[in-house]
Structure formats: structure tokens, C-alpha cells
Protein backbone atom coordinates (compact mmCIF):
# COMPACT_ATOMS: atom_id res chain seq x y z
CA MET A 1 -53.16 -12.33 -22.57
CA LEU A 2 -50.64 -15.13 -22.14
CA ILE A 3 -51.80 -17.97 -19.83
CA ARG A 4 -49.22 -20.42 -18.77
CA ALA A 5 -49.11 -23.41 -16.29
CA ALA A 6 -45.83 -25.14 -15.97
CA ARG A 7 -43.42 -26.88 -13.64
CA LEU A 8 -40.69 -24.51 -12.68
CA THR A 9 -37.02 -25.23 -13.32
CA PRO A 10 -33.87 -23.56 -12.10
CA GLY A 11 -34.20 -21.00 -14.96
CA ASP A 12 -37.49 -19.82 -13.47
CA ARG A 13 -35.93 -18.37 -10.28
CA GLU A 14 -37.83 -15.03 -10.38
CA LEU A 15 -41.18 -16.64 -11.23
CA ALA A 16 -40.57 -18.99 -8.31
CA ARG A 17 -39.84 -16.08 -6.01
CA ARG A 18 -43.10 -14.44 -7.12
CA LEU A 19 -44.99 -17.67 -6.70
CA VAL A 20 -43.80 -18.10 -3.07
CA ALA A 21 -44.80 -14.51 -2.29
CA THR A 22 -48.25 -15.09 -3.95
CA MET A 23 -48.81 -18.27 -1.98
CA ALA A 24 -47.77 -16.53 1.28
CA GLU A 25 -50.28 -13.79 0.55
CA VAL A 26 -53.11 -16.22 -0.34
CA PHE A 27 -52.49 -18.23 2.86
CA ASP A 28 -51.95 -15.04 4.95
CA GLN A 29 -48.53 -16.14 6.15
CA GLY A 30 -45.28 -14.30 6.39
CA CYS A 31 -42.43 -15.24 4.15
CA GLU A 32 -38.80 -14.55 4.58
CA PRO A 33 -36.82 -13.68 1.52
CA LEU A 34 -35.29 -16.82 -0.10
CA SER A 35 -31.69 -16.60 -1.42
CA ASP A 36 -31.02 -17.19 -5.11
CA ASP A 37 -28.95 -20.28 -4.20
CA TYR A 38 -31.73 -21.74 -2.08
CA ILE A 39 -34.29 -21.30 -4.91
CA ASP A 40 -31.93 -22.70 -7.50
CA ARG A 41 -31.10 -25.77 -5.36
CA LEU A 42 -34.76 -26.35 -4.64
CA LEU A 43 -35.83 -26.06 -8.29
CA ALA A 44 -33.04 -28.36 -9.40
CA ARG A 45 -34.30 -31.19 -7.19
CA GLU A 46 -36.12 -33.96 -9.15
CA ASP A 47 -38.26 -34.69 -6.16
CA PHE A 48 -39.49 -31.15 -5.75
CA TRP A 49 -42.39 -29.89 -7.82
CA ALA A 50 -43.30 -26.22 -8.16
CA ILE A 51 -46.16 -25.68 -10.61
CA ALA A 52 -47.07 -22.07 -11.39
CA ALA A 53 -50.14 -20.77 -13.11
CA SER A 54 -49.51 -17.29 -14.49
CA VAL A 55 -51.19 -14.68 -16.60
CA ASP A 56 -48.84 -12.44 -18.42
CA ASP A 57 -45.94 -13.77 -16.33
CA GLN A 58 -47.69 -12.84 -13.07
CA PRO A 59 -48.44 -15.85 -10.80
CA VAL A 60 -52.18 -16.31 -10.12
CA GLY A 61 -51.89 -19.73 -8.49
CA GLY A 62 -49.66 -22.70 -8.05
CA LEU A 63 -48.57 -25.53 -5.81
CA THR A 64 -45.45 -27.08 -4.41
CA ALA A 65 -44.98 -30.64 -3.57
CA TYR A 66 -42.35 -33.41 -3.00
CA THR A 67 -42.26 -36.80 -4.48
CA ILE A 68 -42.20 -39.34 -1.63
CA PRO A 69 -41.74 -42.99 -2.38
CA MET A 70 -44.69 -45.14 -1.40
CA THR A 71 -43.90 -47.68 1.28
CA PHE A 72 -47.19 -49.58 1.36
CA SER A 73 -47.90 -49.83 -2.41
CA ARG A 74 -46.40 -49.07 -5.80
CA SER A 75 -49.69 -47.52 -7.06
CA TRP A 76 -50.64 -43.87 -6.88
CA GLY A 77 -53.89 -42.07 -6.89
CA ILE A 78 -55.08 -38.58 -7.79
CA ALA A 79 -58.56 -37.32 -6.89
CA LEU A 80 -60.20 -34.85 -9.25
CA ALA A 81 -63.68 -33.43 -9.15
CA GLY A 82 -65.09 -36.34 -7.07
CA THR A 83 -63.34 -39.10 -9.08
CA VAL A 84 -60.30 -41.11 -8.26
CA LYS A 85 -57.73 -42.11 -10.94
CA ARG A 86 -55.44 -45.05 -9.86
CA HIS A 87 -52.33 -46.42 -11.47
CA GLN A 88 -50.75 -49.76 -10.78
């Protein structure tokens, strides 16, 4: 069993397509087919993050996010398991 969690890049087009389908299924939302060009452009963006967790190359979870510059502070925070990590 191969377990992998990684940020997707333009070379991960098919995994990205499967991740989107998995997320649509989990959230019970329809999903129109995405073109190869759209997926490639999205994955090439430095401000777009697609993280896929897969088992034997089948997505089992993931997330998508955009990097947005902070306007009120240069610090960032991440909350995990009831704790908050802050960076200045």
C-alpha cells in the first residue's frame, strides 16, 4: 500500500481531476468536467494549492486553497487540534 500526501503540480493533472471528483462526491455537489488546459493553468499558479492524500494513487482526501496576501498583519496562523501556531 502506497500512501502519499503532496501538493499537486501541472504534471499531476489526472490526480487533480480525480481529487476534484472525490471532493465533489464527499460534499455531495455536482462537478462539471474541467478541461486539461484549465487544470494545467490552475496547478501552475503559485498562489493555488491543491493537496491530495492518496492510497495507491487513488485520492482519499485533499484540500484546495489560495494564498491571499494579508492586509492587516504580516503574521499568519494555523490552528491544529485545539492549538494555534503563529508566525511573525
